[in-house]
Amino acid sequence: MSFWKNLFNSKKEPRDEKSQSPFMPKKKDPVEIAFAHNFTEKGGRFLFTESKKDSKKFFKKILEENNFKKSDVFTLDQEISMFFEIDFTEELFILKKKKIAFIKCEFLIANTGGILISSNQIKNLNLSQLPEYIIVEAKINQFANDVSEGMSKIKAFYSKNLPSNITTLNAKNNDKESDFLSHGNSSKNIYLLLQ
């Protein structure tokens, strides 16, 4: 009788996460955390700002860190140009003289840490025509789990006027990309200002 009593009245100890069944789906990080991890793992620099004022402070620090001046920066976005007081240009011969581009993005892709951009941000330029350094401004509502979800959101948002030149911008990890196999890829040194 004591066997049955012990069996049914025994206190169950809580299971810890390590003893979770291998058949149960693994808990996923929130999309924001997954993106931040993958983006910084690739070499991107992630800067969270609470206001536009903070963005201006970070912008100045980025310029100082890289010994750049405002005249080294260009944008293809009028709003960025006015707020950060930098050159707005679409002239290719001027762009070639600049050291850093400041753009917005369509979506931040969590599973790869990439940044989905389109002709709305880079017009008809390809990634190789952009400078080595890029500052990307994004908002907290611009996360997507993967490229497929990002493309679906783009199609829904721009249902009547789908942008062209849709591509993924990836951060360059100088530690991992120092061999000859990575030569010529389109990875960039990216600073992300997430508001």
Protein backbone atom coordinates (compact mmCIF):
# COMPACT_ATOMS: atom_id res chain seq x y z
CA MET A 1 0.00 0.00 0.00
CA SER A 2 2.84 2.42 0.77
CA PHE A 3 4.13 2.01 -2.80
CA TRP A 4 0.85 3.32 -4.27
CA LYS A 5 0.68 6.06 -1.66
CA ASN A 6 4.20 7.24 -2.49
CA LEU A 7 3.48 7.11 -6.21
CA PHE A 8 0.32 9.20 -6.17
CA ASN A 9 1.18 11.56 -3.34
CA SER A 10 4.73 12.31 -4.32
CA LYS A 11 5.55 15.96 -4.94
CA LYS A 12 6.62 16.63 -8.48
CA GLU A 13 9.76 18.66 -8.89
CA PRO A 14 9.59 21.36 -11.54
CA ARG A 15 11.35 20.47 -14.77
CA ASP A 16 14.12 22.75 -15.79
CA GLU A 17 14.62 23.81 -19.39
CA LYS A 18 17.56 21.43 -19.86
CA SER A 19 15.35 18.42 -19.29
CA GLN A 20 12.78 19.56 -21.86
CA SER A 21 11.76 16.88 -24.27
CA PRO A 22 13.72 16.92 -27.54
CA PHE A 23 10.38 16.57 -29.33
CA MET A 24 9.04 19.87 -28.03
CA PRO A 25 9.65 22.89 -30.23
CA LYS A 26 12.47 25.09 -28.99
CA LYS A 27 11.55 28.48 -27.60
CA LYS A 28 12.44 31.24 -30.01
CA ASP A 29 13.87 34.59 -29.04
CA PRO A 30 11.68 37.59 -29.78
CA VAL A 31 12.27 38.91 -33.29
CA GLU A 32 14.08 42.02 -31.99
CA ILE A 33 16.53 39.97 -29.91
CA ALA A 34 17.17 37.51 -32.75
CA PHE A 35 17.92 40.36 -35.15
CA ALA A 36 20.22 42.18 -32.71
CA HIS A 37 22.16 38.96 -32.04
CA ASN A 38 22.56 37.99 -35.71
CA PHE A 39 23.33 41.55 -36.84
CA THR A 40 26.05 42.14 -34.26
CA GLU A 41 27.42 38.61 -34.76
CA LYS A 42 28.03 39.54 -38.41
CA GLY A 43 29.87 42.70 -37.38
CA GLY A 44 27.09 45.30 -37.47
CA ARG A 45 26.98 48.04 -34.89
CA PHE A 46 23.60 48.31 -33.21
CA LEU A 47 22.65 51.62 -31.56
CA PHE A 48 19.28 51.93 -29.85
CA THR A 49 17.98 55.49 -29.63
CA GLU A 50 14.97 56.70 -27.70
CA SER A 51 14.56 59.94 -29.65
CA LYS A 52 15.68 61.80 -32.74
CA LYS A 53 17.88 63.89 -30.46
CA ASP A 54 19.75 60.72 -29.44
CA SER A 55 20.14 59.82 -33.11
CA LYS A 56 21.92 63.12 -33.72
CA LYS A 57 24.33 62.42 -30.84
CA PHE A 58 25.10 58.93 -32.17
CA PHE A 59 25.58 60.31 -35.68
CA LYS A 60 28.24 62.72 -34.39
CA LYS A 61 29.96 59.90 -32.49
CA ILE A 62 30.00 57.69 -35.60
CA LEU A 63 31.69 60.49 -37.55
CA GLU A 64 34.25 61.01 -34.75
CA GLU A 65 34.97 57.27 -34.44
CA ASN A 66 35.83 57.01 -38.13
CA ASN A 67 37.47 60.44 -38.54
CA PHE A 68 34.75 61.51 -40.98
CA LYS A 69 33.30 64.97 -41.51
CA LYS A 70 29.71 65.78 -42.44
CA SER A 71 30.95 66.57 -45.94
CA ASP A 72 31.98 62.87 -46.27
CA VAL A 73 28.34 61.77 -45.86
CA PHE A 74 25.53 61.72 -48.40
CA THR A 75 21.91 60.64 -48.38
CA LEU A 76 19.26 59.93 -50.97
CA ASP A 77 16.52 60.84 -48.46
CA GLN A 78 15.30 64.44 -48.10
CA GLU A 79 14.13 63.95 -44.50
CA ILE A 80 17.51 62.61 -43.37
CA SER A 81 19.26 65.41 -45.26
CA MET A 82 17.28 68.11 -43.52
CA PHE A 83 17.38 66.63 -39.99
CA PHE A 84 21.06 65.67 -39.92
CA GLU A 85 22.14 68.58 -42.15
CA ILE A 86 23.98 66.45 -44.70
CA ASP A 87 24.24 66.48 -48.49
CA PHE A 88 21.33 65.17 -50.53
CA THR A 89 22.46 63.99 -53.95
CA GLU A 90 21.68 61.45 -56.63
CA GLU A 91 24.63 62.33 -58.86
CA LEU A 92 26.85 59.27 -59.27
CA PHE A 93 30.07 61.26 -59.75
CA ILE A 94 29.44 63.01 -56.40
CA LEU A 95 28.57 59.73 -54.66
CA LYS A 96 31.93 58.24 -55.63
CA LYS A 97 33.69 60.95 -53.60
CA LYS A 98 31.70 60.28 -50.43
CA LYS A 99 32.84 57.89 -47.68
CA ILE A 100 29.56 57.12 -45.94
CA ALA A 101 25.90 56.77 -46.95
CA PHE A 102 22.97 57.46 -44.63
CA ILE A 103 19.79 55.60 -45.62
CA LYS A 104 16.55 54.19 -44.27
CA CYS A 105 15.41 50.61 -44.84
CA GLU A 106 12.34 48.52 -45.56
CA PHE A 107 12.77 45.79 -42.92
CA LEU A 108 15.26 44.29 -40.48
CA ILE A 109 15.52 40.53 -41.07
CA ALA A 110 15.78 38.64 -37.78
CA ASN A 111 16.95 35.18 -38.88
CA THR A 112 19.96 36.50 -40.82
CA GLY A 113 20.67 39.91 -39.30
CA GLY A 114 20.36 41.45 -42.76
CA ILE A 115 18.66 44.70 -43.76
CA LEU A 116 16.11 44.65 -46.57
CA ILE A 117 16.37 47.75 -48.77
CA SER A 118 14.87 48.80 -52.09
CA SER A 119 14.83 51.55 -54.69
CA ASN A 120 13.06 53.69 -52.07
CA GLN A 121 16.37 53.89 -50.20
CA ILE A 122 19.11 53.43 -52.82
CA LYS A 123 17.32 54.43 -56.04
CA ASN A 124 18.92 52.54 -58.94
CA LEU A 125 22.31 52.04 -57.29
CA ASN A 126 23.64 48.56 -56.65
CA LEU A 127 25.43 47.63 -53.43
CA SER A 128 28.88 47.89 -54.99
CA GLN A 129 28.21 51.57 -55.82
CA LEU A 130 27.54 52.40 -52.18
CA PRO A 131 30.43 53.42 -49.92
CA GLU A 132 32.11 51.03 -47.51
CA TYR A 133 30.34 52.63 -44.53
CA ILE A 134 26.57 52.92 -44.22
CA ILE A 135 24.36 54.32 -41.49
CA VAL A 136 20.84 52.88 -41.52
CA GLU A 137 17.95 54.52 -39.71
CA ALA A 138 15.07 52.22 -38.72
CA LYS A 139 12.09 52.10 -36.41
CA ILE A 140 11.06 49.41 -33.93
CA ASN A 141 8.11 48.36 -36.13
CA GLN A 142 10.34 47.34 -39.06
CA PHE A 143 11.21 43.80 -37.98
CA ALA A 144 10.47 40.68 -40.03
CA ASN A 145 11.32 37.09 -39.13
CA ASP A 146 12.83 36.29 -42.54
CA VAL A 147 13.15 37.63 -46.08
CA SER A 148 9.93 35.93 -47.13
CA GLU A 149 7.96 37.75 -44.44
CA GLY A 150 9.72 41.00 -45.33
CA MET A 151 8.80 40.59 -49.01
CA SER A 152 5.18 39.85 -48.07
CA LYS A 153 5.08 43.03 -45.97
CA ILE A 154 6.58 45.05 -48.83
CA LYS A 155 3.94 43.67 -51.24
CA ALA A 156 1.16 44.51 -48.78
CA PHE A 157 2.47 48.01 -48.04
CA TYR A 158 3.23 48.97 -51.65
CA SER A 159 0.39 47.01 -53.24
CA LYS A 160 -0.05 49.41 -56.16
CA ASN A 161 3.54 50.58 -56.62
CA LEU A 162 6.00 47.81 -55.73
CA PRO A 163 9.58 49.13 -55.45
CA SER A 164 12.35 47.71 -57.61
CA ASN A 165 15.97 46.95 -56.71
CA ILE A 166 15.00 44.98 -53.58
CA THR A 167 18.11 43.52 -51.95
CA THR A 168 19.58 42.59 -48.60
CA LEU A 169 22.36 44.64 -47.06
CA ASN A 170 24.72 42.64 -44.83
CA ALA A 171 27.22 43.80 -42.26
CA LYS A 172 30.89 43.09 -42.76
CA ASN A 173 32.74 41.21 -40.07
CA ASN A 174 36.37 42.22 -40.56
CA ASP A 175 37.58 39.36 -38.34
CA LYS A 176 35.85 36.69 -40.42
CA GLU A 177 36.18 38.28 -43.86
CA SER A 178 39.89 38.71 -44.10
CA ASP A 179 40.51 35.79 -46.44
CA PHE A 180 40.54 35.82 -50.23
CA LEU A 181 37.19 33.99 -50.46
CA SER A 182 35.34 37.01 -49.10
CA HIS A 183 37.04 39.48 -51.44
CA GLY A 184 34.58 41.32 -53.63
CA ASN A 185 31.42 40.55 -51.66
CA SER A 186 28.97 43.36 -51.01
CA SER A 187 29.10 43.41 -47.20
CA LYS A 188 29.46 46.85 -45.64
CA ASN A 189 30.42 48.43 -42.34
CA ILE A 190 26.96 49.19 -40.99
CA TYR A 191 25.76 51.32 -38.12
CA LEU A 192 22.08 50.82 -37.32
CA LEU A 193 20.25 53.61 -35.52
CA LEU A 194 17.09 51.94 -34.23
CA GLN A 195 14.52 54.30 -32.76
